[in-house]
PDB file of all heavy atoms in Angstrom:
ATOM      1  N   VAL A   1     -19.728   4.266   3.990  1.00  0.00           N
ATOM      2  CA  VAL A   1     -18.499   4.037   4.742  1.00  0.00           C
ATOM      3  C   VAL A   1     -17.332   4.564   3.918  1.00  0.00           C
ATOM      4  O   VAL A   1     -17.148   4.165   2.763  1.00  0.00           O
ATOM      5  CB  VAL A   1     -18.299   2.543   5.050  1.00  0.00           C
ATOM      6  CG1 VAL A   1     -16.982   2.320   5.790  1.00  0.00           C
ATOM      7  CG2 VAL A   1     -19.458   2.022   5.878  1.00  0.00           C
ATOM      8  N   ALA A   2     -16.550   5.469   4.513  1.00  0.00           N
ATOM      9  CA  ALA A   2     -15.415   6.056   3.807  1.00  0.00           C
ATOM     10  C   ALA A   2     -14.205   5.147   3.910  1.00  0.00           C
ATOM     11  O   ALA A   2     -13.956   4.512   4.943  1.00  0.00           O
ATOM     12  CB  ALA A   2     -15.093   7.425   4.399  1.00  0.00           C
ATOM     13  N   SER A   3     -13.433   5.113   2.836  1.00  0.00           N
ATOM     14  CA  SER A   3     -12.196   4.323   2.810  1.00  0.00           C
ATOM     15  C   SER A   3     -11.156   5.050   1.978  1.00  0.00           C
ATOM     16  O   SER A   3     -11.481   5.666   0.960  1.00  0.00           O
ATOM     17  CB  SER A   3     -12.454   2.924   2.245  1.00  0.00           C
ATOM     18  OG  SER A   3     -12.921   3.002   0.914  1.00  0.00           O
ATOM     19  N   ARG A   4      -9.908   4.973   2.424  1.00  0.00           N
ATOM     20  CA  ARG A   4      -8.789   5.584   1.712  1.00  0.00           C
ATOM     21  C   ARG A   4      -7.929   4.500   1.087  1.00  0.00           C
ATOM     22  O   ARG A   4      -7.842   3.384   1.611  1.00  0.00           O
ATOM     23  CB  ARG A   4      -7.935   6.433   2.657  1.00  0.00           C
ATOM     24  CG  ARG A   4      -8.616   7.683   3.188  1.00  0.00           C
ATOM     25  CD  ARG A   4      -7.639   8.474   4.057  1.00  0.00           C
ATOM     26  NE  ARG A   4      -8.204   9.728   4.510  1.00  0.00           N
ATOM     27  CZ  ARG A   4      -8.886   9.871   5.647  1.00  0.00           C
ATOM     28  NH1 ARG A   4      -9.062   8.834   6.442  1.00  0.00           N
ATOM     29  NH2 ARG A   4      -9.377  11.045   5.987  1.00  0.00           N
ATOM     30  N   SER A   5      -7.283   4.852  -0.009  1.00  0.00           N
ATOM     31  CA  SER A   5      -6.390   3.910  -0.676  1.00  0.00           C
ATOM     32  C   SER A   5      -5.217   4.667  -1.280  1.00  0.00           C
ATOM     33  O   SER A   5      -5.268   5.888  -1.469  1.00  0.00           O
ATOM     34  CB  SER A   5      -7.136   3.139  -1.774  1.00  0.00           C
ATOM     35  OG  SER A   5      -7.576   4.027  -2.786  1.00  0.00           O
ATOM     36  N   VAL A   6      -4.148   3.928  -1.553  1.00  0.00           N
ATOM     37  CA  VAL A   6      -2.950   4.498  -2.150  1.00  0.00           C
ATOM     38  C   VAL A   6      -2.459   3.561  -3.244  1.00  0.00           C
ATOM     39  O   VAL A   6      -2.560   2.336  -3.125  1.00  0.00           O
ATOM     40  CB  VAL A   6      -1.854   4.720  -1.085  1.00  0.00           C
ATOM     41  CG1 VAL A   6      -1.495   3.420  -0.397  1.00  0.00           C
ATOM     42  CG2 VAL A   6      -0.607   5.340  -1.699  1.00  0.00           C
ATOM     43  N   ARG A   7      -1.939   4.182  -4.321  1.00  0.00           N
ATOM     44  CA  ARG A   7      -1.433   3.396  -5.442  1.00  0.00           C
ATOM     45  C   ARG A   7      -0.247   4.126  -6.066  1.00  0.00           C
ATOM     46  O   ARG A   7      -0.299   5.356  -6.264  1.00  0.00           O
ATOM     47  CB  ARG A   7      -2.519   3.196  -6.498  1.00  0.00           C
ATOM     48  CG  ARG A   7      -2.060   2.377  -7.692  1.00  0.00           C
ATOM     49  CD  ARG A   7      -3.073   2.403  -8.810  1.00  0.00           C
ATOM     50  NE  ARG A   7      -2.566   1.704  -9.988  1.00  0.00           N
ATOM     51  CZ  ARG A   7      -3.061   1.852 -11.206  1.00  0.00           C
ATOM     52  NH1 ARG A   7      -4.088   2.679 -11.416  1.00  0.00           N
ATOM     53  NH2 ARG A   7      -2.543   1.197 -12.223  1.00  0.00           N
ATOM     54  N   VAL A   8       0.802   3.384  -6.357  1.00  0.00           N
ATOM     55  CA  VAL A   8       1.967   3.941  -7.039  1.00  0.00           C
ATOM     56  C   VAL A   8       1.744   3.770  -8.542  1.00  0.00           C
ATOM     57  O   VAL A   8       1.672   2.652  -9.047  1.00  0.00           O
ATOM     58  CB  VAL A   8       3.258   3.222  -6.595  1.00  0.00           C
ATOM     59  CG1 VAL A   8       4.460   3.806  -7.336  1.00  0.00           C
ATOM     60  CG2 VAL A   8       3.447   3.348  -5.097  1.00  0.00           C
ATOM     61  N   LEU A   9       1.614   4.907  -9.240  1.00  0.00           N
ATOM     62  CA  LEU A   9       1.358   4.861 -10.682  1.00  0.00           C
ATOM     63  C   LEU A   9       2.645   4.678 -11.480  1.00  0.00           C
ATOM     64  O   LEU A   9       2.654   3.992 -12.507  1.00  0.00           O
ATOM     65  CB  LEU A   9       0.656   6.132 -11.132  1.00  0.00           C
ATOM     66  CG  LEU A   9      -0.711   6.419 -10.486  1.00  0.00           C
ATOM     67  CD1 LEU A   9      -1.312   7.691 -11.057  1.00  0.00           C
ATOM     68  CD2 LEU A   9      -1.656   5.253 -10.696  1.00  0.00           C
ATOM     69  N   LYS A  10       3.748   5.283 -11.028  1.00  0.00           N
ATOM     70  CA  LYS A  10       5.032   5.146 -11.721  1.00  0.00           C
ATOM     71  C   LYS A  10       6.156   5.389 -10.728  1.00  0.00           C
ATOM     72  O   LYS A  10       5.987   6.107  -9.732  1.00  0.00           O
ATOM     73  CB  LYS A  10       5.136   6.114 -12.900  1.00  0.00           C
ATOM     74  CG  LYS A  10       5.143   7.578 -12.495  1.00  0.00           C
ATOM     75  CD  LYS A  10       5.303   8.507 -13.669  1.00  0.00           C
ATOM     76  CE  LYS A  10       6.736   8.589 -14.152  1.00  0.00           C
ATOM     77  NZ  LYS A  10       6.955   9.648 -15.155  1.00  0.00           N
ATOM     78  N   TYR A  11       7.306   4.814 -11.017  1.00  0.00           N
ATOM     79  CA  TYR A  11       8.479   5.024 -10.178  1.00  0.00           C
ATOM     80  C   TYR A  11       9.698   4.675 -11.032  1.00  0.00           C
ATOM     81  O   TYR A  11      10.053   3.507 -11.163  1.00  0.00           O
ATOM     82  CB  TYR A  11       8.408   4.155  -8.921  1.00  0.00           C
ATOM     83  CG  TYR A  11       9.413   4.514  -7.860  1.00  0.00           C
ATOM     84  CD1 TYR A  11      10.226   5.650  -7.974  1.00  0.00           C
ATOM     85  CD2 TYR A  11       9.564   3.724  -6.734  1.00  0.00           C
ATOM     86  CE1 TYR A  11      11.138   5.980  -6.999  1.00  0.00           C
ATOM     87  CE2 TYR A  11      10.476   4.045  -5.743  1.00  0.00           C
ATOM     88  CZ  TYR A  11      11.268   5.175  -5.894  1.00  0.00           C
ATOM     89  OH  TYR A  11      12.184   5.507  -4.926  1.00  0.00           O
ATOM     90  N   ARG A  12      10.298   5.678 -11.597  1.00  0.00           N
ATOM     91  CA  ARG A  12      11.409   5.464 -12.516  1.00  0.00           C
ATOM     92  C   ARG A  12      12.603   4.849 -11.799  1.00  0.00           C
ATOM     93  O   ARG A  12      12.977   5.268 -10.719  1.00  0.00           O
ATOM     94  CB  ARG A  12      11.828   6.792 -13.147  1.00  0.00           C
ATOM     95  CG  ARG A  12      10.827   7.356 -14.144  1.00  0.00           C
ATOM     96  CD  ARG A  12      11.234   8.737 -14.593  1.00  0.00           C
ATOM     97  NE  ARG A  12      10.253   9.308 -15.519  1.00  0.00           N
ATOM     98  CZ  ARG A  12      10.143  10.603 -15.788  1.00  0.00           C
ATOM     99  NH1 ARG A  12      10.954  11.472 -15.183  1.00  0.00           N
ATOM    100  NH2 ARG A  12       9.239  11.036 -16.626  1.00  0.00           N
ATOM    101  N   GLY A  13      13.172   3.842 -12.443  1.00  0.00           N
ATOM    102  CA  GLY A  13      14.389   3.241 -11.922  1.00  0.00           C
ATOM    103  C   GLY A  13      14.192   2.323 -10.739  1.00  0.00           C
ATOM    104  O   GLY A  13      15.174   1.938 -10.096  1.00  0.00           O
ATOM    105  N   SER A  14      12.982   1.954 -10.449  1.00  0.00           N
ATOM    106  CA  SER A  14      12.733   1.110  -9.281  1.00  0.00           C
ATOM    107  C   SER A  14      11.540   0.199  -9.550  1.00  0.00           C
ATOM    108  O   SER A  14      10.607   0.573 -10.271  1.00  0.00           O
ATOM    109  CB  SER A  14      12.462   1.953  -8.035  1.00  0.00           C
ATOM    110  OG  SER A  14      12.093   1.137  -6.947  1.00  0.00           O
ATOM    111  N   GLY A  15      11.602  -0.986  -8.968  1.00  0.00           N
ATOM    112  CA  GLY A  15      10.447  -1.853  -9.021  1.00  0.00           C
ATOM    113  C   GLY A  15       9.415  -1.448  -7.986  1.00  0.00           C
ATOM    114  O   GLY A  15       9.755  -0.918  -6.935  1.00  0.00           O
ATOM    115  N   PHE A  16       8.166  -1.690  -8.270  1.00  0.00           N
ATOM    116  CA  PHE A  16       7.101  -1.319  -7.333  1.00  0.00           C
ATOM    117  C   PHE A  16       5.866  -2.135  -7.630  1.00  0.00           C
ATOM    118  O   PHE A  16       5.710  -2.710  -8.708  1.00  0.00           O
ATOM    119  CB  PHE A  16       6.790   0.180  -7.425  1.00  0.00           C
ATOM    120  CG  PHE A  16       6.256   0.607  -8.766  1.00  0.00           C
ATOM    121  CD1 PHE A  16       4.892   0.694  -9.001  1.00  0.00           C
ATOM    122  CD2 PHE A  16       7.129   0.917  -9.812  1.00  0.00           C
ATOM    123  CE1 PHE A  16       4.409   1.094 -10.229  1.00  0.00           C
ATOM    124  CE2 PHE A  16       6.652   1.304 -11.045  1.00  0.00           C
ATOM    125  CZ  PHE A  16       5.287   1.387 -11.265  1.00  0.00           C
ATOM    126  N   SER A  17       4.974  -2.187  -6.664  1.00  0.00           N
ATOM    127  CA  SER A  17       3.694  -2.871  -6.832  1.00  0.00           C
ATOM    128  C   SER A  17       2.695  -1.919  -7.447  1.00  0.00           C
ATOM    129  O   SER A  17       2.523  -0.790  -6.982  1.00  0.00           O
ATOM    130  CB  SER A  17       3.174  -3.373  -5.482  1.00  0.00           C
ATOM    131  OG  SER A  17       1.904  -3.960  -5.627  1.00  0.00           O
ATOM    132  N   GLU A  18       2.039  -2.348  -8.471  1.00  0.00           N
ATOM    133  CA  GLU A  18       1.080  -1.499  -9.178  1.00  0.00           C
ATOM    134  C   GLU A  18      -0.319  -1.588  -8.594  1.00  0.00           C
ATOM    135  O   GLU A  18      -1.219  -0.890  -9.071  1.00  0.00           O
ATOM    136  CB  GLU A  18       1.044  -1.885 -10.654  1.00  0.00           C
ATOM    137  CG  GLU A  18       2.378  -1.718 -11.375  1.00  0.00           C
ATOM    138  CD  GLU A  18       2.301  -2.139 -12.825  1.00  0.00           C
ATOM    139  OE1 GLU A  18       1.229  -2.662 -13.213  1.00  0.00           O
ATOM    140  OE2 GLU A  18       3.280  -1.953 -13.552  1.00  0.00           O
ATOM    141  N   ASN A  19      -0.510  -2.439  -7.589  1.00  0.00           N
ATOM    142  CA  ASN A  19      -1.844  -2.620  -7.026  1.00  0.00           C
ATOM    143  C   ASN A  19      -2.225  -1.451  -6.132  1.00  0.00           C
ATOM    144  O   ASN A  19      -1.386  -0.666  -5.682  1.00  0.00           O
ATOM    145  CB  ASN A  19      -1.915  -3.916  -6.232  1.00  0.00           C
ATOM    146  CG  ASN A  19      -1.696  -5.129  -7.108  1.00  0.00           C
ATOM    147  OD1 ASN A  19      -2.024  -5.111  -8.295  1.00  0.00           O
ATOM    148  ND2 ASN A  19      -1.115  -6.174  -6.541  1.00  0.00           N
ATOM    149  N   GLU A  20      -3.497  -1.376  -5.861  1.00  0.00           N
ATOM    150  CA  GLU A  20      -4.033  -0.370  -4.948  1.00  0.00           C
ATOM    151  C   GLU A  20      -4.150  -0.972  -3.559  1.00  0.00           C
ATOM    152  O   GLU A  20      -4.649  -2.077  -3.399  1.00  0.00           O
ATOM    153  CB  GLU A  20      -5.398   0.105  -5.445  1.00  0.00           C
ATOM    154  CG  GLU A  20      -6.026   1.192  -4.591  1.00  0.00           C
ATOM    155  CD  GLU A  20      -7.384   1.618  -5.127  1.00  0.00           C
ATOM    156  OE1 GLU A  20      -7.424   2.267  -6.184  1.00  0.00           O
ATOM    157  OE2 GLU A  20      -8.400   1.280  -4.486  1.00  0.00           O
ATOM    158  N   PHE A  21      -3.680  -0.252  -2.560  1.00  0.00           N
ATOM    159  CA  PHE A  21      -3.667  -0.752  -1.190  1.00  0.00           C
ATOM    160  C   PHE A  21      -4.446   0.182  -0.270  1.00  0.00           C
ATOM    161  O   PHE A  21      -4.398   1.406  -0.451  1.00  0.00           O
ATOM    162  CB  PHE A  21      -2.234  -0.896  -0.674  1.00  0.00           C
ATOM    163  CG  PHE A  21      -1.433  -1.913  -1.420  1.00  0.00           C
ATOM    164  CD1 PHE A  21      -0.605  -1.521  -2.469  1.00  0.00           C
ATOM    165  CD2 PHE A  21      -1.514  -3.253  -1.095  1.00  0.00           C
ATOM    166  CE1 PHE A  21       0.128  -2.459  -3.164  1.00  0.00           C
ATOM    167  CE2 PHE A  21      -0.780  -4.195  -1.796  1.00  0.00           C
ATOM    168  CZ  PHE A  21       0.041  -3.797  -2.829  1.00  0.00           C
ATOM    169  N   PRO A  22      -5.147  -0.387   0.706  1.00  0.00           N
ATOM    170  CA  PRO A  22      -5.893   0.432   1.665  1.00  0.00           C
ATOM    171  C   PRO A  22      -4.949   1.264   2.530  1.00  0.00           C
ATOM    172  O   PRO A  22      -3.834   0.842   2.860  1.00  0.00           O
ATOM    173  CB  PRO A  22      -6.661  -0.591   2.491  1.00  0.00           C
ATOM    174  CG  PRO A  22      -6.669  -1.838   1.668  1.00  0.00           C
ATOM    175  CD  PRO A  22      -5.398  -1.823   0.897  1.00  0.00           C
ATOM    176  N   LEU A  23      -5.430   2.422   2.920  1.00  0.00           N
ATOM    177  CA  LEU A  23      -4.653   3.352   3.742  1.00  0.00           C
ATOM    178  C   LEU A  23      -5.564   3.902   4.823  1.00  0.00           C
ATOM    179  O   LEU A  23      -6.714   4.270   4.559  1.00  0.00           O
ATOM    180  CB  LEU A  23      -4.116   4.494   2.870  1.00  0.00           C
ATOM    181  CG  LEU A  23      -3.519   5.706   3.594  1.00  0.00           C
ATOM    182  CD1 LEU A  23      -2.180   5.333   4.197  1.00  0.00           C
ATOM    183  CD2 LEU A  23      -3.379   6.885   2.646  1.00  0.00           C
ATOM    184  N   ILE A  24      -5.062   3.966   6.041  1.00  0.00           N
ATOM    185  CA  ILE A  24      -5.808   4.593   7.129  1.00  0.00           C
ATOM    186  C   ILE A  24      -4.886   5.536   7.866  1.00  0.00           C
ATOM    187  O   ILE A  24      -3.651   5.403   7.833  1.00  0.00           O
ATOM    188  CB  ILE A  24      -6.377   3.542   8.116  1.00  0.00           C
ATOM    189  CG1 ILE A  24      -5.252   2.828   8.867  1.00  0.00           C
ATOM    190  CG2 ILE A  24      -7.281   2.553   7.414  1.00  0.00           C
ATOM    191  CD1 ILE A  24      -5.741   1.978  10.019  1.00  0.00           C
ATOM    192  N   ILE A  25      -5.499   6.510   8.514  1.00  0.00           N
ATOM    193  CA  ILE A  25      -4.779   7.459   9.354  1.00  0.00           C
ATOM    194  C   ILE A  25      -5.089   7.078  10.796  1.00  0.00           C
ATOM    195  O   ILE A  25      -6.193   7.300  11.292  1.00  0.00           O
ATOM    196  CB  ILE A  25      -5.202   8.903   9.062  1.00  0.00           C
ATOM    197  CG1 ILE A  25      -4.963   9.218   7.581  1.00  0.00           C
ATOM    198  CG2 ILE A  25      -4.436   9.878   9.940  1.00  0.00           C
ATOM    199  CD1 ILE A  25      -5.462  10.587   7.163  1.00  0.00           C
ATOM    200  N   ALA A  26      -4.092   6.465  11.463  1.00  0.00           N
ATOM    201  CA  ALA A  26      -4.263   5.994  12.827  1.00  0.00           C
ATOM    202  C   ALA A  26      -3.560   6.928  13.797  1.00  0.00           C
ATOM    203  O   ALA A  26      -2.883   7.883  13.393  1.00  0.00           O
ATOM    204  CB  ALA A  26      -3.713   4.579  12.962  1.00  0.00           C
ATOM    205  N   ASP A  27      -3.731   6.638  15.098  1.00  0.00           N
ATOM    206  CA  ASP A  27      -3.090   7.484  16.097  1.00  0.00           C
ATOM    207  C   ASP A  27      -1.578   7.325  16.104  1.00  0.00           C
ATOM    208  O   ASP A  27      -0.861   8.148  16.689  1.00  0.00           O
ATOM    209  CB  ASP A  27      -3.659   7.179  17.491  1.00  0.00           C
ATOM    210  CG  ASP A  27      -3.581   5.685  17.814  1.00  0.00           C
ATOM    211  OD1 ASP A  27      -3.101   4.921  16.954  1.00  0.00           O
ATOM    212  OD2 ASP A  27      -3.998   5.305  18.918  1.00  0.00           O
ATOM    213  N   THR A  28      -1.096   6.277  15.442  1.00  0.00           N
ATOM    214  CA  THR A  28       0.352   6.072  15.349  1.00  0.00           C
ATOM    215  C   THR A  28       0.907   6.468  13.995  1.00  0.00           C
ATOM    216  O   THR A  28       2.083   6.248  13.715  1.00  0.00           O
ATOM    217  CB  THR A  28       0.684   4.597  15.614  1.00  0.00           C
ATOM    218  OG1 THR A  28      -0.047   3.769  14.685  1.00  0.00           O
ATOM    219  CG2 THR A  28       0.324   4.206  17.041  1.00  0.00           C
ATOM    220  N   GLY A  29       0.075   7.056  13.137  1.00  0.00           N
ATOM    221  CA  GLY A  29       0.544   7.509  11.836  1.00  0.00           C
ATOM    222  C   GLY A  29      -0.240   6.874  10.706  1.00  0.00           C
ATOM    223  O   GLY A  29      -1.340   6.352  10.895  1.00  0.00           O
ATOM    224  N   LEU A  30       0.348   6.926   9.520  1.00  0.00           N
ATOM    225  CA  LEU A  30      -0.271   6.336   8.344  1.00  0.00           C
ATOM    226  C   LEU A  30      -0.011   4.834   8.321  1.00  0.00           C
ATOM    227  O   LEU A  30       1.117   4.398   8.559  1.00  0.00           O
ATOM    228  CB  LEU A  30       0.277   6.966   7.071  1.00  0.00           C
ATOM    229  CG  LEU A  30      -0.037   8.456   6.854  1.00  0.00           C
ATOM    230  CD1 LEU A  30       0.632   8.936   5.581  1.00  0.00           C
ATOM    231  CD2 LEU A  30      -1.539   8.685   6.763  1.00  0.00           C
ATOM    232  N   LYS A  31      -1.035   4.062   8.014  1.00  0.00           N
ATOM    233  CA  LYS A  31      -0.912   2.615   7.949  1.00  0.00           C
ATOM    234  C   LYS A  31      -1.390   2.143   6.580  1.00  0.00           C
ATOM    235  O   LYS A  31      -2.499   2.463   6.164  1.00  0.00           O
ATOM    236  CB  LYS A  31      -1.746   1.930   9.036  1.00  0.00           C
ATOM    237  CG  LYS A  31      -1.361   2.319  10.456  1.00  0.00           C
ATOM    238  CD  LYS A  31      -0.012   1.758  10.842  1.00  0.00           C
ATOM    239  CE  LYS A  31       0.327   2.077  12.279  1.00  0.00           C
ATOM    240  NZ  LYS A  31       1.658   1.544  12.662  1.00  0.00           N
ATOM    241  N   VAL A  32      -0.525   1.411   5.897  1.00  0.00           N
ATOM    242  CA  VAL A  32      -0.867   0.841   4.601  1.00  0.00           C
ATOM    243  C   VAL A  32      -0.932  -0.672   4.765  1.00  0.00           C
ATOM    244  O   VAL A  32       0.016  -1.283   5.249  1.00  0.00           O
ATOM    245  CB  VAL A  32       0.169   1.222   3.524  1.00  0.00           C
ATOM    246  CG1 VAL A  32      -0.213   0.588   2.186  1.00  0.00           C
ATOM    247  CG2 VAL A  32       0.255   2.721   3.390  1.00  0.00           C
ATOM    248  N   SER A  33      -2.043  -1.248   4.368  1.00  0.00           N
ATOM    249  CA  SER A  33      -2.241  -2.691   4.531  1.00  0.00           C
ATOM    250  C   SER A  33      -1.811  -3.410   3.260  1.00  0.00           C
ATOM    251  O   SER A  33      -2.334  -3.149   2.175  1.00  0.00           O
ATOM    252  CB  SER A  33      -3.718  -3.003   4.814  1.00  0.00           C
ATOM    253  OG  SER A  33      -4.116  -2.413   6.029  1.00  0.00           O
ATOM    254  N   THR A  34      -0.849  -4.305   3.420  1.00  0.00           N
ATOM    255  CA  THR A  34      -0.383  -5.130   2.311  1.00  0.00           C
ATOM    256  C   THR A  34      -0.301  -6.575   2.769  1.00  0.00           C
ATOM    257  O   THR A  34      -0.397  -6.887   3.955  1.00  0.00           O
ATOM    258  CB  THR A  34       1.015  -4.676   1.840  1.00  0.00           C
ATOM    259  OG1 THR A  34       1.962  -4.940   2.879  1.00  0.00           O
ATOM    260  CG2 THR A  34       1.014  -3.192   1.506  1.00  0.00           C
ATOM    261  N   PHE A  35      -0.101  -7.461   1.821  1.00  0.00           N
ATOM    262  CA  PHE A  35       0.077  -8.872   2.135  1.00  0.00           C
ATOM    263  C   PHE A  35       1.512  -9.193   2.519  1.00  0.00           C
ATOM    264  O   PHE A  35       1.805 -10.314   2.910  1.00  0.00           O
ATOM    265  CB  PHE A  35      -0.323  -9.740   0.935  1.00  0.00           C
ATOM    266  CG  PHE A  35      -1.792  -9.973   0.828  1.00  0.00           C
ATOM    267  CD1 PHE A  35      -2.556  -9.252  -0.073  1.00  0.00           C
ATOM    268  CD2 PHE A  35      -2.422 -10.905   1.625  1.00  0.00           C
ATOM    269  CE1 PHE A  35      -3.920  -9.473  -0.178  1.00  0.00           C
ATOM    270  CE2 PHE A  35      -3.778 -11.128   1.526  1.00  0.00           C
ATOM    271  CZ  PHE A  35      -4.532 -10.407   0.617  1.00  0.00           C
ATOM    272  N   GLY A  36       2.392  -8.244   2.402  1.00  0.00           N
ATOM    273  CA  GLY A  36       3.798  -8.525   2.664  1.00  0.00           C
ATOM    274  C   GLY A  36       4.440  -9.164   1.454  1.00  0.00           C
ATOM    275  O   GLY A  36       4.142  -8.823   0.306  1.00  0.00           O
ATOM    276  N   THR A  37       5.320 -10.117   1.691  1.00  0.00           N
ATOM    277  CA  THR A  37       6.005 -10.776   0.590  1.00  0.00           C
ATOM    278  C   THR A  37       5.049 -11.681  -0.180  1.00  0.00           C
ATOM    279  O   THR A  37       4.032 -12.136   0.338  1.00  0.00           O
ATOM    280  CB  THR A  37       7.176 -11.614   1.126  1.00  0.00           C
ATOM    281  OG1 THR A  37       6.676 -12.599   2.013  1.00  0.00           O
ATOM    282  CG2 THR A  37       8.173 -10.723   1.859  1.00  0.00           C
ATOM    283  N   ALA A  38       5.402 -11.939  -1.421  1.00  0.00           N
ATOM    284  CA  ALA A  38       4.549 -12.781  -2.267  1.00  0.00           C
ATOM    285  C   ALA A  38       4.608 -14.247  -1.856  1.00  0.00           C
ATOM    286  O   ALA A  38       3.657 -14.993  -2.066  1.00  0.00           O
ATOM    287  CB  ALA A  38       4.956 -12.630  -3.730  1.00  0.00           C
ATOM    288  N   ALA A  39       5.742 -14.638  -1.277  1.00  0.00           N
ATOM    289  CA  ALA A  39       5.896 -16.046  -0.893  1.00  0.00           C
ATOM    290  C   ALA A  39       5.088 -16.353   0.362  1.00  0.00           C
ATOM    291  O   ALA A  39       4.999 -15.540   1.285  1.00  0.00           O
ATOM    292  CB  ALA A  39       7.367 -16.362  -0.659  1.00  0.00           C
ATOM    293  N   LEU A  40       4.488 -17.536   0.382  1.00  0.00           N
ATOM    294  CA  LEU A  40       3.738 -17.999   1.554  1.00  0.00           C
ATOM    295  C   LEU A  40       4.659 -18.858   2.411  1.00  0.00           C
ATOM    296  O   LEU A  40       5.186 -19.878   1.945  1.00  0.00           O
ATOM    297  CB  LEU A  40       2.512 -18.808   1.121  1.00  0.00           C
ATOM    298  CG  LEU A  40       1.368 -18.013   0.484  1.00  0.00           C
ATOM    299  CD1 LEU A  40       0.294 -18.953  -0.037  1.00  0.00           C
ATOM    300  CD2 LEU A  40       0.772 -17.049   1.484  1.00  0.00           C
ATOM    301  N   ASP A  41       4.843 -18.456   3.649  1.00  0.00           N
ATOM    302  CA  ASP A  41       5.730 -19.177   4.546  1.00  0.00           C
ATOM    303  C   ASP A  41       5.112 -19.197   5.936  1.00  0.00           C
ATOM    304  O   ASP A  41       5.458 -18.414   6.816  1.00  0.00           O
ATOM    305  CB  ASP A  41       7.116 -18.521   4.572  1.00  0.00           C
ATOM    306  CG  ASP A  41       8.120 -19.358   5.345  1.00  0.00           C
ATOM    307  OD1 ASP A  41       7.814 -20.535   5.605  1.00  0.00           O
ATOM    308  OD2 ASP A  41       9.184 -18.826   5.714  1.00  0.00           O
TER     309      ASP A  41
END
């Protein structure tokens, strides 16, 4: 089963998530799956 992922290795002057996130190419464009905000509400 094929799977795509995306990860930001560096980003000068900006905060970013260092984790790897799944990526798919859908009929509506690129979709990156994340948990959203860290806070649970």
